[in-house]
Amino acid sequence: MNQEVLDYLAAQPTRQRELLQQMHDVAISAIPNTESIISYGIIGFRYQNKVPFFISGWRNHVSIHGGRALGERAKKIIPDIKVVGTTIQIALDRPLSEDQLRAIIATRLEIFDESGGKL
């Protein structure tokens, strides 16, 4: 993990840091040939030389960023998931399971591949 990502995590409150670390570890194992970086001020994961998947910490939740299509498809995977615009918000007291997060990541990569890397 690069120093910028470590610094981002270190700056988070304890609960957000714990969840983001877990999410980071799952993303690293679920996204082929990835590395985590700071992009747009949050943690992003490279895939095919682009950064289509992001996670971030906020005061009352952690978020997944991956575009409007991801939010729409995530609702099919987890019907009660909270989607605000292009962001999936995860309550600190109701984190995603590893299987749910892997399903969302796989969905994001499908969207990316379907669009030829444009979405």
PDB file of N, CA and C in Angstrom:
ATOM      1  N   MET A   1       0.860  -1.173   0.000  1.00  0.00           N
ATOM      2  CA  MET A   1       0.000   0.000   0.000  1.00  0.00           C
ATOM      3  C   MET A   1       0.903   1.231   0.000  1.00  0.00           C
ATOM      4  N   ASN A   2       0.598   2.193  -0.871  1.00  0.00           N
ATOM      5  CA  ASN A   2       1.475   3.361  -0.937  1.00  0.00           C
ATOM      6  C   ASN A   2       1.220   4.319   0.237  1.00  0.00           C
ATOM      7  N   GLN A   3       2.155   5.227   0.449  1.00  0.00           N
ATOM      8  CA  GLN A   3       2.102   6.114   1.615  1.00  0.00           C
ATOM      9  C   GLN A   3       0.875   7.017   1.596  1.00  0.00           C
ATOM     10  N   GLU A   4       0.460   7.481   0.427  1.00  0.00           N
ATOM     11  CA  GLU A   4      -0.725   8.356   0.362  1.00  0.00           C
ATOM     12  C   GLU A   4      -1.970   7.627   0.849  1.00  0.00           C
ATOM     13  N   VAL A   5      -2.115   6.372   0.480  1.00  0.00           N
ATOM     14  CA  VAL A   5      -3.273   5.578   0.937  1.00  0.00           C
ATOM     15  C   VAL A   5      -3.166   5.346   2.439  1.00  0.00           C
ATOM     16  N   LEU A   6      -1.986   5.017   2.916  1.00  0.00           N
ATOM     17  CA  LEU A   6      -1.788   4.849   4.359  1.00  0.00           C
ATOM     18  C   LEU A   6      -2.137   6.132   5.111  1.00  0.00           C
ATOM     19  N   ASP A   7      -1.731   7.277   4.587  1.00  0.00           N
ATOM     20  CA  ASP A   7      -2.038   8.565   5.222  1.00  0.00           C
ATOM     21  C   ASP A   7      -3.541   8.831   5.224  1.00  0.00           C
ATOM     22  N   TYR A   8      -4.205   8.514   4.119  1.00  0.00           N
ATOM     23  CA  TYR A   8      -5.657   8.702   4.035  1.00  0.00           C
ATOM     24  C   TYR A   8      -6.348   7.867   5.114  1.00  0.00           C
ATOM     25  N   LEU A   9      -5.962   6.611   5.216  1.00  0.00           N
ATOM     26  CA  LEU A   9      -6.569   5.735   6.220  1.00  0.00           C
ATOM     27  C   LEU A   9      -6.275   6.227   7.631  1.00  0.00           C
ATOM     28  N   ALA A  10      -5.055   6.644   7.880  1.00  0.00           N
ATOM     29  CA  ALA A  10      -4.669   7.110   9.210  1.00  0.00           C
ATOM     30  C   ALA A  10      -5.457   8.340   9.643  1.00  0.00           C
ATOM     31  N   ALA A  11      -5.892   9.143   8.694  1.00  0.00           N
ATOM     32  CA  ALA A  11      -6.636  10.367   9.003  1.00  0.00           C
ATOM     33  C   ALA A  11      -8.105  10.106   9.319  1.00  0.00           C
ATOM     34  N   GLN A  12      -8.574   8.878   9.097  1.00  0.00           N
ATOM     35  CA  GLN A  12      -9.981   8.552   9.311  1.00  0.00           C
ATOM     36  C   GLN A  12     -10.256   8.230  10.780  1.00  0.00           C
ATOM     37  N   PRO A  13     -11.477   8.532  11.247  1.00  0.00           N
ATOM     38  CA  PRO A  13     -11.866   8.061  12.586  1.00  0.00           C
ATOM     39  C   PRO A  13     -11.794   6.525  12.630  1.00  0.00           C
ATOM     40  N   THR A  14     -11.683   5.976  13.811  1.00  0.00           N
ATOM     41  CA  THR A  14     -11.439   4.545  13.983  1.00  0.00           C
ATOM     42  C   THR A  14     -12.394   3.660  13.195  1.00  0.00           C
ATOM     43  N   ARG A  15     -13.688   3.850  13.326  1.00  0.00           N
ATOM     44  CA  ARG A  15     -14.644   2.946  12.666  1.00  0.00           C
ATOM     45  C   ARG A  15     -14.529   3.040  11.146  1.00  0.00           C
ATOM     46  N   GLN A  16     -14.422   4.242  10.617  1.00  0.00           N
ATOM     47  CA  GLN A  16     -14.280   4.405   9.174  1.00  0.00           C
ATOM     48  C   GLN A  16     -12.977   3.754   8.700  1.00  0.00           C
ATOM     49  N   ARG A  17     -11.905   3.964   9.454  1.00  0.00           N
ATOM     50  CA  ARG A  17     -10.614   3.374   9.086  1.00  0.00           C
ATOM     51  C   ARG A  17     -10.703   1.852   9.043  1.00  0.00           C
ATOM     52  N   GLU A  18     -11.359   1.256  10.043  1.00  0.00           N
ATOM     53  CA  GLU A  18     -11.505  -0.201  10.081  1.00  0.00           C
ATOM     54  C   GLU A  18     -12.272  -0.711   8.861  1.00  0.00           C
ATOM     55  N   LEU A  19     -13.395  -0.068   8.566  1.00  0.00           N
ATOM     56  CA  LEU A  19     -14.201  -0.497   7.418  1.00  0.00           C
ATOM     57  C   LEU A  19     -13.467  -0.288   6.102  1.00  0.00           C
ATOM     58  N   LEU A  20     -12.834   0.867   5.957  1.00  0.00           N
ATOM     59  CA  LEU A  20     -12.097   1.135   4.722  1.00  0.00           C
ATOM     60  C   LEU A  20     -10.931   0.164   4.541  1.00  0.00           C
ATOM     61  N   GLN A  21     -10.260  -0.191   5.624  1.00  0.00           N
ATOM     62  CA  GLN A  21      -9.166  -1.160   5.529  1.00  0.00           C
ATOM     63  C   GLN A  21      -9.698  -2.511   5.055  1.00  0.00           C
ATOM     64  N   GLN A  22     -10.829  -2.941   5.622  1.00  0.00           N
ATOM     65  CA  GLN A  22     -11.439  -4.198   5.195  1.00  0.00           C
ATOM     66  C   GLN A  22     -11.847  -4.127   3.723  1.00  0.00           C
ATOM     67  N   MET A  23     -12.479  -3.025   3.336  1.00  0.00           N
ATOM     68  CA  MET A  23     -12.906  -2.842   1.945  1.00  0.00           C
ATOM     69  C   MET A  23     -11.691  -2.813   1.016  1.00  0.00           C
ATOM     70  N   HIS A  24     -10.644  -2.137   1.439  1.00  0.00           N
ATOM     71  CA  HIS A  24      -9.408  -2.067   0.662  1.00  0.00           C
ATOM     72  C   HIS A  24      -8.861  -3.463   0.415  1.00  0.00           C
ATOM     73  N   ASP A  25      -8.776  -4.255   1.467  1.00  0.00           N
ATOM     74  CA  ASP A  25      -8.204  -5.594   1.349  1.00  0.00           C
ATOM     75  C   ASP A  25      -9.023  -6.468   0.403  1.00  0.00           C
ATOM     76  N   VAL A  26     -10.343  -6.368   0.477  1.00  0.00           N
ATOM     77  CA  VAL A  26     -11.198  -7.132  -0.439  1.00  0.00           C
ATOM     78  C   VAL A  26     -10.988  -6.653  -1.873  1.00  0.00           C
ATOM     79  N   ALA A  27     -10.964  -5.342  -2.079  1.00  0.00           N
ATOM     80  CA  ALA A  27     -10.786  -4.800  -3.434  1.00  0.00           C
ATOM     81  C   ALA A  27      -9.448  -5.236  -4.030  1.00  0.00           C
ATOM     82  N   ILE A  28      -8.393  -5.203  -3.222  1.00  0.00           N
ATOM     83  CA  ILE A  28      -7.069  -5.617  -3.714  1.00  0.00           C
ATOM     84  C   ILE A  28      -7.107  -7.068  -4.187  1.00  0.00           C
ATOM     85  N   SER A  29      -7.837  -7.917  -3.481  1.00  0.00           N
ATOM     86  CA  SER A  29      -7.892  -9.326  -3.878  1.00  0.00           C
ATOM     87  C   SER A  29      -8.922  -9.590  -4.980  1.00  0.00           C
ATOM     88  N   ALA A  30      -9.891  -8.697  -5.159  1.00  0.00           N
ATOM     89  CA  ALA A  30     -10.968  -8.929  -6.127  1.00  0.00           C
ATOM     90  C   ALA A  30     -10.735  -8.287  -7.494  1.00  0.00           C
ATOM     91  N   ILE A  31      -9.892  -7.275  -7.556  1.00  0.00           N
ATOM     92  CA  ILE A  31      -9.654  -6.565  -8.811  1.00  0.00           C
ATOM     93  C   ILE A  31      -8.321  -7.044  -9.382  1.00  0.00           C
ATOM     94  N   PRO A  32      -8.344  -7.638 -10.573  1.00  0.00           N
ATOM     95  CA  PRO A  32      -7.108  -8.180 -11.141  1.00  0.00           C
ATOM     96  C   PRO A  32      -6.028  -7.113 -11.339  1.00  0.00           C
ATOM     97  N   ASN A  33      -4.806  -7.471 -10.978  1.00  0.00           N
ATOM     98  CA  ASN A  33      -3.634  -6.622 -11.221  1.00  0.00           C
ATOM     99  C   ASN A  33      -3.841  -5.179 -10.773  1.00  0.00           C
ATOM    100  N   THR A  34      -4.412  -4.986  -9.607  1.00  0.00           N
ATOM    101  CA  THR A  34      -4.705  -3.633  -9.147  1.00  0.00           C
ATOM    102  C   THR A  34      -3.665  -3.135  -8.164  1.00  0.00           C
ATOM    103  N   GLU A  35      -3.714  -1.861  -7.955  1.00  0.00           N
ATOM    104  CA  GLU A  35      -2.998  -1.204  -6.873  1.00  0.00           C
ATOM    105  C   GLU A  35      -3.900  -0.081  -6.396  1.00  0.00           C
ATOM    106  N   SER A  36      -3.778   0.261  -5.129  1.00  0.00           N
ATOM    107  CA  SER A  36      -4.580   1.368  -4.603  1.00  0.00           C
ATOM    108  C   SER A  36      -3.764   2.646  -4.679  1.00  0.00           C
ATOM    109  N   ILE A  37      -4.473   3.731  -4.999  1.00  0.00           N
ATOM    110  CA  ILE A  37      -3.852   5.047  -5.117  1.00  0.00           C
ATOM    111  C   ILE A  37      -4.815   6.082  -4.552  1.00  0.00           C
ATOM    112  N   ILE A  38      -4.335   7.280  -4.369  1.00  0.00           N
ATOM    113  CA  ILE A  38      -5.235   8.382  -4.048  1.00  0.00           C
ATOM    114  C   ILE A  38      -5.535   9.090  -5.364  1.00  0.00           C
ATOM    115  N   SER A  39      -6.803   9.193  -5.676  1.00  0.00           N
ATOM    116  CA  SER A  39      -7.255   9.861  -6.889  1.00  0.00           C
ATOM    117  C   SER A  39      -8.517  10.629  -6.526  1.00  0.00           C
ATOM    118  N   TYR A  40      -8.601  11.878  -6.942  1.00  0.00           N
ATOM    119  CA  TYR A  40      -9.720  12.747  -6.566  1.00  0.00           C
ATOM    120  C   TYR A  40      -9.836  12.877  -5.049  1.00  0.00           C
ATOM    121  N   GLY A  41      -8.741  12.701  -4.345  1.00  0.00           N
ATOM    122  CA  GLY A  41      -8.729  12.870  -2.906  1.00  0.00           C
ATOM    123  C   GLY A  41      -9.235  11.687  -2.106  1.00  0.00           C
ATOM    124  N   ILE A  42      -9.537  10.571  -2.785  1.00  0.00           N
ATOM    125  CA  ILE A  42     -10.027   9.372  -2.105  1.00  0.00           C
ATOM    126  C   ILE A  42      -9.262   8.151  -2.624  1.00  0.00           C
ATOM    127  N   ILE A  43      -9.531   6.985  -2.054  1.00  0.00           N
ATOM    128  CA  ILE A  43      -8.823   5.773  -2.457  1.00  0.00           C
ATOM    129  C   ILE A  43      -9.442   5.220  -3.735  1.00  0.00           C
ATOM    130  N   GLY A  44      -8.598   5.051  -4.739  1.00  0.00           N
ATOM    131  CA  GLY A  44      -9.032   4.467  -6.003  1.00  0.00           C
ATOM    132  C   GLY A  44      -8.234   3.209  -6.294  1.00  0.00           C
ATOM    133  N   PHE A  45      -8.783   2.381  -7.164  1.00  0.00           N
ATOM    134  CA  PHE A  45      -8.140   1.120  -7.531  1.00  0.00           C
ATOM    135  C   PHE A  45      -7.987   1.063  -9.046  1.00  0.00           C
ATOM    136  N   ARG A  46      -6.758   0.893  -9.498  1.00  0.00           N
ATOM    137  CA  ARG A  46      -6.480   0.822 -10.937  1.00  0.00           C
ATOM    138  C   ARG A  46      -6.998  -0.500 -11.500  1.00  0.00           C
ATOM    139  N   TYR A  47      -7.517  -0.393 -12.704  1.00  0.00           N
ATOM    140  CA  TYR A  47      -7.961  -1.564 -13.463  1.00  0.00           C
ATOM    141  C   TYR A  47      -7.773  -1.214 -14.929  1.00  0.00           C
ATOM    142  N   GLN A  48      -6.973  -1.973 -15.616  1.00  0.00           N
ATOM    143  CA  GLN A  48      -6.680  -1.725 -17.025  1.00  0.00           C
ATOM    144  C   GLN A  48      -6.257  -0.264 -17.271  1.00  0.00           C
ATOM    145  N   ASN A  49      -5.351   0.201 -16.453  1.00  0.00           N
ATOM    146  CA  ASN A  49      -4.770   1.551 -16.559  1.00  0.00           C
ATOM    147  C   ASN A  49      -5.750   2.689 -16.305  1.00  0.00           C
ATOM    148  N   LYS A  50      -6.901   2.399 -15.758  1.00  0.00           N
ATOM    149  CA  LYS A  50      -7.860   3.436 -15.362  1.00  0.00           C
ATOM    150  C   LYS A  50      -8.246   3.182 -13.912  1.00  0.00           C
ATOM    151  N   VAL A  51      -9.033   4.075 -13.346  1.00  0.00           N
ATOM    152  CA  VAL A  51      -9.423   3.947 -11.932  1.00  0.00           C
ATOM    153  C   VAL A  51     -10.957   3.988 -11.855  1.00  0.00           C
ATOM    154  N   PRO A  52     -11.613   2.839 -12.047  1.00  0.00           N
ATOM    155  CA  PRO A  52     -13.074   2.834 -12.071  1.00  0.00           C
ATOM    156  C   PRO A  52     -13.757   2.606 -10.725  1.00  0.00           C
ATOM    157  N   PHE A  53     -13.007   2.299  -9.673  1.00  0.00           N
ATOM    158  CA  PHE A  53     -13.608   1.935  -8.385  1.00  0.00           C
ATOM    159  C   PHE A  53     -12.912   2.703  -7.279  1.00  0.00           C
ATOM    160  N   PHE A  54     -13.715   3.343  -6.429  1.00  0.00           N
ATOM    161  CA  PHE A  54     -13.192   4.176  -5.352  1.00  0.00           C
ATOM    162  C   PHE A  54     -13.924   3.877  -4.054  1.00  0.00           C
ATOM    163  N   ILE A  55     -13.236   4.104  -2.934  1.00  0.00           N
ATOM    164  CA  ILE A  55     -13.870   4.056  -1.615  1.00  0.00           C
ATOM    165  C   ILE A  55     -13.446   5.305  -0.846  1.00  0.00           C
ATOM    166  N   SER A  56     -14.302   5.731   0.071  1.00  0.00           N
ATOM    167  CA  SER A  56     -13.974   6.927   0.849  1.00  0.00           C
ATOM    168  C   SER A  56     -14.663   6.879   2.201  1.00  0.00           C
ATOM    169  N   GLY A  57     -14.110   7.645   3.133  1.00  0.00           N
ATOM    170  CA  GLY A  57     -14.673   7.750   4.468  1.00  0.00           C
ATOM    171  C   GLY A  57     -15.310   9.107   4.689  1.00  0.00           C
ATOM    172  N   TRP A  58     -16.425   9.108   5.411  1.00  0.00           N
ATOM    173  CA  TRP A  58     -17.164  10.327   5.727  1.00  0.00           C
ATOM    174  C   TRP A  58     -17.555  10.285   7.194  1.00  0.00           C
ATOM    175  N   ARG A  59     -18.125  11.363   7.677  1.00  0.00           N
ATOM    176  CA  ARG A  59     -18.426  11.464   9.104  1.00  0.00           C
ATOM    177  C   ARG A  59     -19.336  10.342   9.591  1.00  0.00           C
ATOM    178  N   ASN A  60     -20.381  10.026   8.832  1.00  0.00           N
ATOM    179  CA  ASN A  60     -21.371   9.063   9.306  1.00  0.00           C
ATOM    180  C   ASN A  60     -21.471   7.789   8.478  1.00  0.00           C
ATOM    181  N   HIS A  61     -20.577   7.618   7.505  1.00  0.00           N
ATOM    182  CA  HIS A  61     -20.639   6.441   6.646  1.00  0.00           C
ATOM    183  C   HIS A  61     -19.324   6.298   5.882  1.00  0.00           C
ATOM    184  N   VAL A  62     -19.225   5.207   5.143  1.00  0.00           N
ATOM    185  CA  VAL A  62     -18.180   5.053   4.141  1.00  0.00           C
ATOM    186  C   VAL A  62     -18.896   4.904   2.805  1.00  0.00           C
ATOM    187  N   SER A  63     -18.188   5.199   1.736  1.00  0.00           N
ATOM    188  CA  SER A  63     -18.837   5.196   0.423  1.00  0.00           C
ATOM    189  C   SER A  63     -18.055   4.384  -0.595  1.00  0.00           C
ATOM    190  N   ILE A  64     -18.812   3.920  -1.585  1.00  0.00           N
ATOM    191  CA  ILE A  64     -18.257   3.317  -2.790  1.00  0.00           C
ATOM    192  C   ILE A  64     -18.660   4.234  -3.931  1.00  0.00           C
ATOM    193  N   HIS A  65     -17.698   4.563  -4.771  1.00  0.00           N
ATOM    194  CA  HIS A  65     -17.950   5.421  -5.922  1.00  0.00           C
ATOM    195  C   HIS A  65     -17.634   4.618  -7.176  1.00  0.00           C
ATOM    196  N   GLY A  66     -18.588   4.574  -8.083  1.00  0.00           N
ATOM    197  CA  GLY A  66     -18.361   3.817  -9.310  1.00  0.00           C
ATOM    198  C   GLY A  66     -19.329   4.175 -10.412  1.00  0.00           C
ATOM    199  N   GLY A  67     -20.056   5.258 -10.234  1.00  0.00           N
ATOM    200  CA  GLY A  67     -20.962   5.716 -11.284  1.00  0.00           C
ATOM    201  C   GLY A  67     -22.409   5.323 -11.065  1.00  0.00           C
ATOM    202  N   ARG A  68     -23.273   6.009 -11.799  1.00  0.00           N
ATOM    203  CA  ARG A  68     -24.721   5.813 -11.669  1.00  0.00           C
ATOM    204  C   ARG A  68     -25.143   4.380 -11.982  1.00  0.00           C
ATOM    205  N   ALA A  69     -24.561   3.785 -13.022  1.00  0.00           N
ATOM    206  CA  ALA A  69     -24.934   2.420 -13.396  1.00  0.00           C
ATOM    207  C   ALA A  69     -24.635   1.442 -12.265  1.00  0.00           C
ATOM    208  N   LEU A  70     -23.545   1.662 -11.543  1.00  0.00           N
ATOM    209  CA  LEU A  70     -23.224   0.775 -10.424  1.00  0.00           C
ATOM    210  C   LEU A  70     -24.294   0.867  -9.350  1.00  0.00           C
ATOM    211  N   GLY A  71     -24.721   2.064  -9.013  1.00  0.00           N
ATOM    212  CA  GLY A  71     -25.761   2.223  -8.008  1.00  0.00           C
ATOM    213  C   GLY A  71     -27.038   1.493  -8.390  1.00  0.00           C
ATOM    214  N   GLU A  72     -27.423   1.606  -9.661  1.00  0.00           N
ATOM    215  CA  GLU A  72     -28.638   0.946 -10.141  1.00  0.00           C
ATOM    216  C   GLU A  72     -28.516  -0.570 -10.043  1.00  0.00           C
ATOM    217  N   ARG A  73     -27.381  -1.086 -10.441  1.00  0.00           N
ATOM    218  CA  ARG A  73     -27.181  -2.545 -10.386  1.00  0.00           C
ATOM    219  C   ARG A  73     -26.971  -3.034  -8.958  1.00  0.00           C
ATOM    220  N   ALA A  74     -26.359  -2.212  -8.116  1.00  0.00           N
ATOM    221  CA  ALA A  74     -26.159  -2.607  -6.720  1.00  0.00           C
ATOM    222  C   ALA A  74     -27.489  -2.829  -6.019  1.00  0.00           C
ATOM    223  N   LYS A  75     -28.499  -2.041  -6.399  1.00  0.00           N
ATOM    224  CA  LYS A  75     -29.843  -2.208  -5.814  1.00  0.00           C
ATOM    225  C   LYS A  75     -30.407  -3.594  -6.112  1.00  0.00           C
ATOM    226  N   LYS A  76     -30.012  -4.183  -7.222  1.00  0.00           N
ATOM    227  CA  LYS A  76     -30.477  -5.534  -7.566  1.00  0.00           C
ATOM    228  C   LYS A  76     -29.760  -6.584  -6.719  1.00  0.00           C
ATOM    229  N   ILE A  77     -28.528  -6.284  -6.328  1.00  0.00           N
ATOM    230  CA  ILE A  77     -27.747  -7.212  -5.506  1.00  0.00           C
ATOM    231  C   ILE A  77     -28.160  -7.103  -4.040  1.00  0.00           C
ATOM    232  N   ILE A  78     -28.298  -5.864  -3.570  1.00  0.00           N
ATOM    233  CA  ILE A  78     -28.640  -5.581  -2.168  1.00  0.00           C
ATOM    234  C   ILE A  78     -29.784  -4.564  -2.192  1.00  0.00           C
ATOM    235  N   PRO A  79     -31.030  -5.027  -2.220  1.00  0.00           N
ATOM    236  CA  PRO A  79     -32.168  -4.127  -2.412  1.00  0.00           C
ATOM    237  C   PRO A  79     -32.258  -2.947  -1.453  1.00  0.00           C
ATOM    238  N   ASP A  80     -31.796  -3.094  -0.218  1.00  0.00           N
ATOM    239  CA  ASP A  80     -31.923  -1.992   0.743  1.00  0.00           C
ATOM    240  C   ASP A  80     -30.676  -1.110   0.825  1.00  0.00           C
ATOM    241  N   ILE A  81     -29.750  -1.275  -0.117  1.00  0.00           N
ATOM    242  CA  ILE A  81     -28.537  -0.457  -0.101  1.00  0.00           C
ATOM    243  C   ILE A  81     -28.899   0.999  -0.392  1.00  0.00           C
ATOM    244  N   LYS A  82     -28.176   1.913   0.237  1.00  0.00           N
ATOM    245  CA  LYS A  82     -28.451   3.343   0.070  1.00  0.00           C
ATOM    246  C   LYS A  82     -27.587   3.898  -1.056  1.00  0.00           C
ATOM    247  N   VAL A  83     -28.262   4.410  -2.089  1.00  0.00           N
ATOM    248  CA  VAL A  83     -27.570   5.013  -3.218  1.00  0.00           C
ATOM    249  C   VAL A  83     -27.985   6.476  -3.279  1.00  0.00           C
ATOM    250  N   VAL A  84     -26.997   7.364  -3.283  1.00  0.00           N
ATOM    251  CA  VAL A  84     -27.239   8.801  -3.372  1.00  0.00           C
ATOM    252  C   VAL A  84     -26.471   9.298  -4.598  1.00  0.00           C
ATOM    253  N   GLY A  85     -27.191   9.636  -5.645  1.00  0.00           N
ATOM    254  CA  GLY A  85     -26.539  10.059  -6.881  1.00  0.00           C
ATOM    255  C   GLY A  85     -25.712   8.925  -7.449  1.00  0.00           C
ATOM    256  N   THR A  86     -24.408   9.139  -7.536  1.00  0.00           N
ATOM    257  CA  THR A  86     -23.512   8.116  -8.080  1.00  0.00           C
ATOM    258  C   THR A  86     -22.730   7.393  -6.977  1.00  0.00           C
ATOM    259  N   THR A  87     -23.164   7.562  -5.732  1.00  0.00           N
ATOM    260  CA  THR A  87     -22.434   7.031  -4.581  1.00  0.00           C
ATOM    261  C   THR A  87     -23.274   6.024  -3.809  1.00  0.00           C
ATOM    262  N   ILE A  88     -22.635   4.941  -3.401  1.00  0.00           N
ATOM    263  CA  ILE A  88     -23.254   3.974  -2.503  1.00  0.00           C
ATOM    264  C   ILE A  88     -22.766   4.314  -1.102  1.00  0.00           C
ATOM    265  N   GLN A  89     -23.706   4.603  -0.203  1.00  0.00           N
ATOM    266  CA  GLN A  89     -23.342   4.945   1.176  1.00  0.00           C
ATOM    267  C   GLN A  89     -23.599   3.744   2.082  1.00  0.00           C
ATOM    268  N   ILE A  90     -22.595   3.423   2.876  1.00  0.00           N
ATOM    269  CA  ILE A  90     -22.668   2.268   3.763  1.00  0.00           C
ATOM    270  C   ILE A  90     -22.610   2.759   5.208  1.00  0.00           C
ATOM    271  N   ALA A  91     -23.661   2.485   5.950  1.00  0.00           N
ATOM    272  CA  ALA A  91     -23.735   2.898   7.350  1.00  0.00           C
ATOM    273  C   ALA A  91     -22.635   2.211   8.153  1.00  0.00           C
ATOM    274  N   LEU A  92     -22.092   2.930   9.099  1.00  0.00           N
ATOM    275  CA  LEU A  92     -20.996   2.403   9.910  1.00  0.00           C
ATOM    276  C   LEU A  92     -21.419   1.187  10.724  1.00  0.00           C
ATOM    277  N   ASP A  93     -22.688   1.120  11.089  1.00  0.00           N
ATOM    278  CA  ASP A  93     -23.169  -0.010  11.887  1.00  0.00           C
ATOM    279  C   ASP A  93     -23.780  -1.128  11.036  1.00  0.00           C
ATOM    280  N   ARG A  94     -23.726  -0.971   9.695  1.00  0.00           N
ATOM    281  CA  ARG A  94     -24.254  -2.004   8.801  1.00  0.00           C
ATOM    282  C   ARG A  94     -23.316  -2.197   7.610  1.00  0.00           C
ATOM    283  N   PRO A  95     -22.076  -2.617   7.882  1.00  0.00           N
ATOM    284  CA  PRO A  95     -21.118  -2.782   6.774  1.00  0.00           C
ATOM    285  C   PRO A  95     -21.533  -3.909   5.837  1.00  0.00           C
ATOM    286  N   LEU A  96     -21.034  -3.854   4.633  1.00  0.00           N
ATOM    287  CA  LEU A  96     -21.275  -4.926   3.674  1.00  0.00           C
ATOM    288  C   LEU A  96     -20.492  -6.160   4.091  1.00  0.00           C
ATOM    289  N   SER A  97     -21.030  -7.315   3.775  1.00  0.00           N
ATOM    290  CA  SER A  97     -20.267  -8.552   3.964  1.00  0.00           C
ATOM    291  C   SER A  97     -19.208  -8.613   2.858  1.00  0.00           C
ATOM    292  N   GLU A  98     -18.234  -9.457   3.040  1.00  0.00           N
ATOM    293  CA  GLU A  98     -17.216  -9.617   1.995  1.00  0.00           C
ATOM    294  C   GLU A  98     -17.859 -10.065   0.692  1.00  0.00           C
ATOM    295  N   ASP A  99     -18.822 -10.985   0.759  1.00  0.00           N
ATOM    296  CA  ASP A  99     -19.494 -11.465  -0.454  1.00  0.00           C
ATOM    297  C   ASP A  99     -20.248 -10.336  -1.153  1.00  0.00           C
ATOM    298  N   GLN A 100     -20.931  -9.485  -0.378  1.00  0.00           N
ATOM    299  CA  GLN A 100     -21.649  -8.368  -0.976  1.00  0.00           C
ATOM    300  C   GLN A 100     -20.689  -7.399  -1.655  1.00  0.00           C
ATOM    301  N   LEU A 101     -19.577  -7.093  -0.992  1.00  0.00           N
ATOM    302  CA  LEU A 101     -18.602  -6.181  -1.574  1.00  0.00           C
ATOM    303  C   LEU A 101     -17.986  -6.788  -2.833  1.00  0.00           C
ATOM    304  N   ARG A 102     -17.669  -8.067  -2.795  1.00  0.00           N
ATOM    305  CA  ARG A 102     -17.122  -8.724  -3.988  1.00  0.00           C
ATOM    306  C   ARG A 102     -18.118  -8.671  -5.141  1.00  0.00           C
ATOM    307  N   ALA A 103     -19.402  -8.845  -4.847  1.00  0.00           N
ATOM    308  CA  ALA A 103     -20.430  -8.777  -5.895  1.00  0.00           C
ATOM    309  C   ALA A 103     -20.499  -7.370  -6.487  1.00  0.00           C
ATOM    310  N   ILE A 104     -20.400  -6.350  -5.653  1.00  0.00           N
ATOM    311  CA  ILE A 104     -20.419  -4.966  -6.148  1.00  0.00           C
ATOM    312  C   ILE A 104     -19.179  -4.680  -6.990  1.00  0.00           C
ATOM    313  N   ILE A 105     -18.035  -5.141  -6.545  1.00  0.00           N
ATOM    314  CA  ILE A 105     -16.807  -4.941  -7.316  1.00  0.00           C
ATOM    315  C   ILE A 105     -16.911  -5.652  -8.662  1.00  0.00           C
ATOM    316  N   ALA A 106     -17.376  -6.897  -8.658  1.00  0.00           N
ATOM    317  CA  ALA A 106     -17.522  -7.644  -9.917  1.00  0.00           C
ATOM    318  C   ALA A 106     -18.486  -6.923 -10.861  1.00  0.00           C
ATOM    319  N   THR A 107     -19.551  -6.379 -10.305  1.00  0.00           N
ATOM    320  CA  THR A 107     -20.516  -5.629 -11.105  1.00  0.00           C
ATOM    321  C   THR A 107     -19.867  -4.390 -11.698  1.00  0.00           C
ATOM    322  N   ARG A 108     -19.077  -3.682 -10.896  1.00  0.00           N
ATOM    323  CA  ARG A 108     -18.402  -2.477 -11.404  1.00  0.00           C
ATOM    324  C   ARG A 108     -17.453  -2.811 -12.540  1.00  0.00           C
ATOM    325  N   LEU A 109     -16.717  -3.905 -12.411  1.00  0.00           N
ATOM    326  CA  LEU A 109     -15.802  -4.299 -13.472  1.00  0.00           C
ATOM    327  C   LEU A 109     -16.555  -4.732 -14.728  1.00  0.00           C
ATOM    328  N   GLU A 110     -17.709  -5.368 -14.556  1.00  0.00           N
ATOM    329  CA  GLU A 110     -18.554  -5.714 -15.709  1.00  0.00           C
ATOM    330  C   GLU A 110     -18.999  -4.456 -16.439  1.00  0.00           C
ATOM    331  N   ILE A 111     -19.465  -3.465 -15.702  1.00  0.00           N
ATOM    332  CA  ILE A 111     -19.903  -2.202 -16.314  1.00  0.00           C
ATOM    333  C   ILE A 111     -18.736  -1.581 -17.074  1.00  0.00           C
ATOM    334  N   PHE A 112     -17.581  -1.561 -16.453  1.00  0.00           N
ATOM    335  CA  PHE A 112     -16.384  -0.996 -17.076  1.00  0.00           C
ATOM    336  C   PHE A 112     -16.058  -1.726 -18.368  1.00  0.00           C
ATOM    337  N   ASP A 113     -16.044  -3.055 -18.313  1.00  0.00           N
ATOM    338  CA  ASP A 113     -15.704  -3.866 -19.494  1.00  0.00           C
ATOM    339  C   ASP A 113     -16.763  -3.699 -20.584  1.00  0.00           C
ATOM    340  N   GLU A 114     -18.043  -3.703 -20.209  1.00  0.00           N
ATOM    341  CA  GLU A 114     -19.129  -3.531 -21.176  1.00  0.00           C
ATOM    342  C   GLU A 114     -19.028  -2.218 -21.934  1.00  0.00           C
ATOM    343  N   SER A 115     -18.568  -1.190 -21.245  1.00  0.00           N
ATOM    344  CA  SER A 115     -18.492   0.139 -21.847  1.00  0.00           C
ATOM    345  C   SER A 115     -17.170   0.386 -22.584  1.00  0.00           C
ATOM    346  N   GLY A 116     -16.335  -0.626 -22.623  1.00  0.00           N
ATOM    347  CA  GLY A 116     -15.019  -0.457 -23.244  1.00  0.00           C
ATOM    348  C   GLY A 116     -14.132   0.489 -22.451  1.00  0.00           C
ATOM    349  N   GLY A 117     -14.347   0.550 -21.142  1.00  0.00           N
ATOM    350  CA  GLY A 117     -13.539   1.392 -20.271  1.00  0.00           C
ATOM    351  C   GLY A 117     -13.998   2.833 -20.195  1.00  0.00           C
ATOM    352  N   LYS A 118     -15.198   3.117 -20.685  1.00  0.00           N
ATOM    353  CA  LYS A 118     -15.703   4.487 -20.673  1.00  0.00           C
ATOM    354  C   LYS A 118     -16.538   4.800 -19.439  1.00  0.00           C
ATOM    355  N   LEU A 119     -17.135   3.797 -18.816  1.00  0.00           N
ATOM    356  CA  LEU A 119     -17.965   4.011 -17.621  1.00  0.00           C
ATOM    357  C   LEU A 119     -17.352   3.359 -16.410  1.00  0.00           C
TER     358      LEU A 119
END
